[in-house]
Amino acid sequence: MHMLKDIITVVPKEDYSNLISEAGNFSPDEKDVMYLALALKLKCAVWSNDKRLKQQDRVKVYSTEDLRNELKK
């Protein structure tokens, strides 16, 4: 657990709470809203094998296969 604290940054919900409503408007699943809101805040992609997440076009979603292919390049 101590090692994880060195490599993981916890982002307080308050830092991206203003984007939750926006993410809720395009998220294909209510359970993914927080992840998408945080991705909007950080302007980053999401790593997920959930095919439904790729149905939206606001946040780039990489599957494990996508990442494997990127690393091979």
Protein backbone atom coordinates (compact mmCIF):
# COMPACT_ATOMS: atom_id res chain seq x y z
CA MET A 1 0.00 0.00 0.00
CA HIS A 2 2.86 2.34 0.78
CA MET A 3 4.30 1.88 -2.72
CA LEU A 4 0.92 2.65 -4.30
CA LYS A 5 0.81 5.98 -2.51
CA ASP A 6 4.03 6.91 -4.31
CA ILE A 7 2.59 6.32 -7.78
CA ILE A 8 -1.12 7.13 -7.42
CA THR A 9 -2.48 10.64 -7.17
CA VAL A 10 -5.88 10.97 -5.57
CA VAL A 11 -7.93 13.71 -7.17
CA PRO A 12 -10.56 15.12 -4.82
CA LYS A 13 -14.10 14.94 -6.18
CA GLU A 14 -14.39 18.70 -5.68
CA ASP A 15 -11.77 19.18 -8.41
CA TYR A 16 -14.02 17.66 -11.09
CA SER A 17 -17.51 17.82 -9.59
CA ASN A 18 -18.41 20.65 -11.99
CA LEU A 19 -18.01 18.15 -14.88
CA ILE A 20 -20.18 15.36 -13.46
CA SER A 21 -23.37 16.68 -15.01
CA GLU A 22 -21.70 17.08 -18.40
CA ALA A 23 -20.27 13.55 -18.24
CA GLY A 24 -23.68 12.24 -17.22
CA ASN A 25 -25.13 13.63 -20.44
CA PHE A 26 -22.96 11.43 -22.65
CA SER A 27 -22.01 8.47 -20.47
CA PRO A 28 -23.51 5.20 -21.70
CA ASP A 29 -23.57 3.90 -18.11
CA GLU A 30 -24.27 5.75 -14.88
CA LYS A 31 -21.43 3.83 -13.19
CA ASP A 32 -18.90 5.46 -15.54
CA VAL A 33 -19.89 9.09 -15.03
CA MET A 34 -17.22 9.84 -12.40
CA TYR A 35 -14.45 8.31 -14.54
CA LEU A 36 -15.52 10.31 -17.57
CA ALA A 37 -15.82 13.52 -15.54
CA LEU A 38 -12.30 13.02 -14.21
CA ALA A 39 -11.01 12.28 -17.72
CA LEU A 40 -12.57 15.55 -18.90
CA LYS A 41 -10.88 17.40 -16.05
CA LEU A 42 -7.48 15.82 -16.71
CA LYS A 43 -7.92 15.95 -20.51
CA CYS A 44 -6.88 12.32 -20.72
CA ALA A 45 -8.08 9.01 -22.09
CA VAL A 46 -9.60 6.10 -20.19
CA TRP A 47 -8.41 2.50 -20.21
CA SER A 48 -11.39 0.16 -20.29
CA ASN A 49 -12.55 -2.95 -22.10
CA ASP A 50 -16.17 -1.79 -21.81
CA LYS A 51 -17.29 -1.56 -25.44
CA ARG A 52 -20.19 0.73 -24.53
CA LEU A 53 -17.75 3.41 -23.38
CA LYS A 54 -16.49 3.66 -26.95
CA GLN A 55 -20.00 4.60 -28.08
CA GLN A 56 -19.45 8.15 -26.82
CA ASP A 57 -17.01 10.51 -28.53
CA ARG A 58 -16.08 12.99 -25.80
CA VAL A 59 -13.36 10.94 -24.06
CA LYS A 60 -10.92 8.66 -25.87
CA VAL A 61 -11.21 5.08 -24.61
CA TYR A 62 -8.43 2.54 -25.06
CA SER A 63 -9.00 -1.17 -24.61
CA THR A 64 -6.19 -3.44 -23.48
CA GLU A 65 -5.81 -4.54 -27.09
CA ASP A 66 -5.59 -0.91 -28.24
CA LEU A 67 -2.81 -0.25 -25.74
CA ARG A 68 -0.97 -3.40 -26.72
CA ASN A 69 -1.06 -2.27 -30.35
CA GLU A 70 0.14 1.21 -29.42
CA LEU A 71 3.08 -0.24 -27.49
CA LYS A 72 4.08 -2.39 -30.47
CA LYS A 73 4.50 0.71 -32.65
